[in-house]
C-alpha atoms as a PDB file:
ATOM      1  CA  MET A   1       0.339 -74.048 -82.815  1.00  0.00           C
ATOM      2  CA  ASN A   2       3.417 -72.277 -81.482  1.00  0.00           C
ATOM      3  CA  LYS A   3       4.435 -68.973 -83.051  1.00  0.00           C
ATOM      4  CA  LEU A   4       7.833 -67.831 -84.336  1.00  0.00           C
ATOM      5  CA  ILE A   5       7.983 -64.072 -84.965  1.00  0.00           C
ATOM      6  CA  VAL A   6      11.013 -62.814 -86.905  1.00  0.00           C
ATOM      7  CA  ASP A   7      12.149 -59.178 -86.877  1.00  0.00           C
ATOM      8  CA  ALA A   8      13.069 -58.951 -90.565  1.00  0.00           C
ATOM      9  CA  ALA A   9      15.032 -55.698 -90.408  1.00  0.00           C
ATOM     10  CA  ASN A  10      17.081 -56.862 -87.449  1.00  0.00           C
ATOM     11  CA  VAL A  11      17.831 -60.322 -88.848  1.00  0.00           C
ATOM     12  CA  VAL A  12      18.631 -59.072 -92.355  1.00  0.00           C
ATOM     13  CA  GLY A  13      20.941 -56.460 -90.866  1.00  0.00           C
ATOM     14  CA  SER A  14      22.789 -59.037 -88.758  1.00  0.00           C
ATOM     15  CA  VAL A  15      24.939 -60.241 -91.659  1.00  0.00           C
ATOM     16  CA  PRO A  16      26.988 -57.749 -93.713  1.00  0.00           C
ATOM     17  CA  ASP A  17      26.244 -59.351 -97.085  1.00  0.00           C
ATOM     18  CA  GLY A  18      25.315 -56.206 -99.024  1.00  0.00           C
ATOM     19  CA  TRP A  19      21.657 -56.232 -97.933  1.00  0.00           C
ATOM     20  CA  TRP A  20      21.637 -52.409 -97.900  1.00  0.00           C
ATOM     21  CA  ARG A  21      21.855 -52.356-101.707  1.00  0.00           C
ATOM     22  CA  ASP A  22      18.574 -54.301-102.038  1.00  0.00           C
ATOM     23  CA  ARG A  23      16.586 -54.434 -98.792  1.00  0.00           C
ATOM     24  CA  ARG A  24      13.547 -55.987-100.415  1.00  0.00           C
ATOM     25  CA  GLY A  25      15.580 -58.716-102.141  1.00  0.00           C
ATOM     26  CA  ALA A  26      17.442 -59.486 -98.900  1.00  0.00           C
ATOM     27  CA  THR A  27      14.123 -59.748 -97.058  1.00  0.00           C
ATOM     28  CA  GLU A  28      12.713 -62.069 -99.728  1.00  0.00           C
ATOM     29  CA  ARG A  29      15.778 -64.313 -99.375  1.00  0.00           C
ATOM     30  CA  LEU A  30      15.287 -64.373 -95.603  1.00  0.00           C
ATOM     31  CA  ARG A  31      11.586 -65.183 -96.038  1.00  0.00           C
ATOM     32  CA  ASP A  32      12.397 -68.071 -98.359  1.00  0.00           C
ATOM     33  CA  SER A  33      15.005 -69.452 -95.944  1.00  0.00           C
ATOM     34  CA  LEU A  34      12.364 -69.509 -93.177  1.00  0.00           C
ATOM     35  CA  VAL A  35       9.940 -71.798 -95.057  1.00  0.00           C
ATOM     36  CA  PRO A  36      11.402 -75.093 -93.700  1.00  0.00           C
ATOM     37  CA  LEU A  37      11.086 -73.772 -90.145  1.00  0.00           C
ATOM     38  CA  ALA A  38       7.279 -73.932 -90.331  1.00  0.00           C
ATOM     39  CA  ALA A  39       7.525 -77.720 -90.190  1.00  0.00           C
ATOM     40  CA  ASP A  40      10.857 -78.154 -88.410  1.00  0.00           C
ATOM     41  CA  GLY A  41      10.831 -75.317 -85.860  1.00  0.00           C
ATOM     42  CA  VAL A  42      14.031 -73.989 -84.321  1.00  0.00           C
ATOM     43  CA  ALA A  43      16.016 -74.605 -81.144  1.00  0.00           C
ATOM     44  CA  GLY A  44      13.679 -73.789 -78.285  1.00  0.00           C
ATOM     45  CA  GLN A  45      10.572 -73.823 -80.487  1.00  0.00           C
ATOM     46  CA  PRO A  46       9.879 -77.252 -82.008  1.00  0.00           C
ATOM     47  CA  GLY A  47       7.735 -77.492 -85.114  1.00  0.00           C
ATOM     48  CA  PRO A  48       5.275 -77.151 -86.443  1.00  0.00           C
ATOM     49  CA  VAL A  49       5.228 -73.395 -85.871  1.00  0.00           C
ATOM     50  CA  GLU A  50       3.430 -70.462 -87.413  1.00  0.00           C
ATOM     51  CA  VAL A  51       6.235 -68.361 -88.905  1.00  0.00           C
ATOM     52  CA  VAL A  52       5.531 -64.626 -89.023  1.00  0.00           C
ATOM     53  CA  LEU A  53       8.043 -62.288 -90.675  1.00  0.00           C
ATOM     54  CA  VAL A  54       7.479 -58.644 -89.700  1.00  0.00           C
ATOM     55  CA  VAL A  55       8.628 -56.196 -92.374  1.00  0.00           C
ATOM     56  CA  GLU A  56       8.838 -52.416 -92.541  1.00  0.00           C
ATOM     57  CA  GLY A  57      10.128 -49.656 -94.783  1.00  0.00           C
ATOM     58  CA  ALA A  58      11.527 -50.712 -98.166  1.00  0.00           C
ATOM     59  CA  ALA A  59      10.647 -54.358 -97.444  1.00  0.00           C
ATOM     60  CA  ARG A  60       6.960 -53.604 -96.876  1.00  0.00           C
ATOM     61  CA  GLY A  61       6.022 -54.993-100.337  1.00  0.00           C
ATOM     62  CA  VAL A  62       7.383 -58.483 -99.632  1.00  0.00           C
ATOM     63  CA  GLU A  63       4.552 -61.010 -99.902  1.00  0.00           C
ATOM     64  CA  SER A  64       3.707 -64.107 -97.891  1.00  0.00           C
ATOM     65  CA  VAL A  65       4.561 -67.579 -99.199  1.00  0.00           C
ATOM     66  CA  PRO A  66       3.298 -70.969 -98.040  1.00  0.00           C
ATOM     67  CA  GLY A  67       4.829 -71.515 -94.598  1.00  0.00           C
ATOM     68  CA  VAL A  68       5.713 -67.866 -93.893  1.00  0.00           C
ATOM     69  CA  ARG A  69       3.168 -65.136 -93.245  1.00  0.00           C
ATOM     70  CA  VAL A  70       4.622 -61.707 -93.962  1.00  0.00           C
ATOM     71  CA  GLU A  71       3.210 -59.022 -91.680  1.00  0.00           C
ATOM     72  CA  PRO A  72       3.830 -55.481 -92.936  1.00  0.00           C
ATOM     73  CA  ALA A  73       4.121 -52.912 -90.173  1.00  0.00           C
ATOM     74  CA  ALA A  74       2.119 -49.766 -90.850  1.00  0.00           C
ATOM     75  CA  GLY A  75       4.613 -47.860 -88.703  1.00  0.00           C
ATOM     76  CA  SER A  76       7.279 -49.290 -86.449  1.00  0.00           C
ATOM     77  CA  GLY A  77       8.155 -52.931 -86.978  1.00  0.00           C
ATOM     78  CA  ASP A  78       8.926 -53.216 -83.280  1.00  0.00           C
ATOM     79  CA  ASP A  79       5.439 -52.011 -82.365  1.00  0.00           C
ATOM     80  CA  ARG A  80       3.874 -54.598 -84.701  1.00  0.00           C
ATOM     81  CA  ILE A  81       6.008 -57.358 -83.173  1.00  0.00           C
ATOM     82  CA  VAL A  82       4.854 -56.332 -79.691  1.00  0.00           C
ATOM     83  CA  GLU A  83       1.226 -56.408 -80.870  1.00  0.00           C
ATOM     84  CA  LEU A  84       1.708 -59.913 -82.265  1.00  0.00           C
ATOM     85  CA  ALA A  85       3.401 -61.121 -79.060  1.00  0.00           C
ATOM     86  CA  ALA A  86       0.579 -59.630 -76.987  1.00  0.00           C
ATOM     87  CA  GLY A  87      -1.981 -61.396 -79.189  1.00  0.00           C
ATOM     88  CA  ALA A  88      -0.151 -64.707 -78.792  1.00  0.00           C
ATOM     89  CA  ALA A  89      -0.176 -64.260 -75.013  1.00  0.00           C
ATOM     90  CA  ARG A  90      -3.880 -63.422 -75.045  1.00  0.00           C
ATOM     91  CA  ASP A  91      -4.551 -66.571 -77.098  1.00  0.00           C
ATOM     92  CA  GLY A  92      -2.349 -68.762 -74.887  1.00  0.00           C
ATOM     93  CA  VAL A  93       0.116 -69.433 -77.714  1.00  0.00           C
ATOM     94  CA  ASP A  94       3.788 -70.048 -76.979  1.00  0.00           C
ATOM     95  CA  CYS A  95       5.791 -67.379 -78.788  1.00  0.00           C
ATOM     96  CA  LEU A  96       9.462 -67.019 -79.693  1.00  0.00           C
ATOM     97  CA  VAL A  97      10.645 -63.659 -81.085  1.00  0.00           C
ATOM     98  CA  VAL A  98      13.853 -63.586 -83.107  1.00  0.00           C
ATOM     99  CA  THR A  99      15.663 -60.274 -82.715  1.00  0.00           C
ATOM    100  CA  ALA A 100      18.860 -58.838 -81.256  1.00  0.00           C
ATOM    101  CA  ASP A 101      17.119 -55.578 -80.310  1.00  0.00           C
ATOM    102  CA  ARG A 102      17.428 -55.313 -76.523  1.00  0.00           C
ATOM    103  CA  GLU A 103      14.539 -52.901 -76.047  1.00  0.00           C
ATOM    104  CA  LEU A 104      12.240 -55.054 -78.190  1.00  0.00           C
ATOM    105  CA  ARG A 105      13.254 -58.130 -76.200  1.00  0.00           C
ATOM    106  CA  LEU A 106      12.165 -56.386 -72.988  1.00  0.00           C
ATOM    107  CA  ARG A 107       8.880 -55.261 -74.510  1.00  0.00           C
ATOM    108  CA  VAL A 108       7.839 -58.727 -75.750  1.00  0.00           C
ATOM    109  CA  ALA A 109       9.059 -60.436 -72.569  1.00  0.00           C
ATOM    110  CA  ALA A 110       6.405 -58.411 -70.738  1.00  0.00           C
ATOM    111  CA  TYR A 111       3.875 -60.582 -72.640  1.00  0.00           C
ATOM    112  CA  GLY A 112       5.648 -63.834 -71.858  1.00  0.00           C
ATOM    113  CA  ALA A 113       7.374 -64.196 -75.227  1.00  0.00           C
ATOM    114  CA  ARG A 114      10.801 -65.788 -75.261  1.00  0.00           C
ATOM    115  CA  CYS A 115      13.563 -64.307 -77.399  1.00  0.00           C
ATOM    116  CA  ALA A 116      16.423 -65.622 -79.477  1.00  0.00           C
ATOM    117  CA  GLY A 117      19.094 -63.951 -81.578  1.00  0.00           C
ATOM    118  CA  PRO A 118      19.294 -63.796 -85.374  1.00  0.00           C
ATOM    119  CA  ARG A 119      21.588 -66.830 -85.612  1.00  0.00           C
ATOM    120  CA  THR A 120      18.608 -68.917 -84.534  1.00  0.00           C
ATOM    121  CA  VAL A 121      17.236 -68.532 -88.060  1.00  0.00           C
ATOM    122  CA  ARG A 122      20.220 -67.298 -90.019  1.00  0.00           C
ATOM    123  CA  GLU A 123      23.829 -68.302 -90.168  1.00  0.00           C
ATOM    124  CA  PRO A 124      26.353 -65.895 -91.663  1.00  0.00           C
ATOM    125  CA  PRO A 125      27.644 -66.813 -95.112  1.00  0.00           C
ATOM    126  CA  ASP A 126      30.728 -68.978 -95.314  1.00  0.00           C
ATOM    127  CA  GLU A 127      33.953 -67.027 -95.078  1.00  0.00           C
ATOM    128  CA  PRO A 128      36.019 -67.006 -98.272  1.00  0.00           C
ATOM    129  CA  ALA A 129      38.972 -69.379 -98.206  1.00  0.00           C
END
């Protein structure tokens, strides 16, 4: 099964919707929005996919739900994402990492992972009329 790894901090921070007031709640909303992707996949990574949401800091207590495995990073979320991408490469699994972090993109590309930006999994909220 293909793997979709989502950089929670980077994706949550990509939309200025007040996430900074409740990082955990924003991460839980992101997690819940990812559930359909397990079956459907995303552009460039057709389903079914294993969805892995990497969390750090205040979001570390967010729990997994059916369809989305939450992976708490003991330290740096970026380091955990690189470890997961390396494991996917070792196992011969196609891997797409969702992040806008340029350095992280370079690090996971070294393991053959492809990258996509946050809009792949999250659209900004509708603008007020």
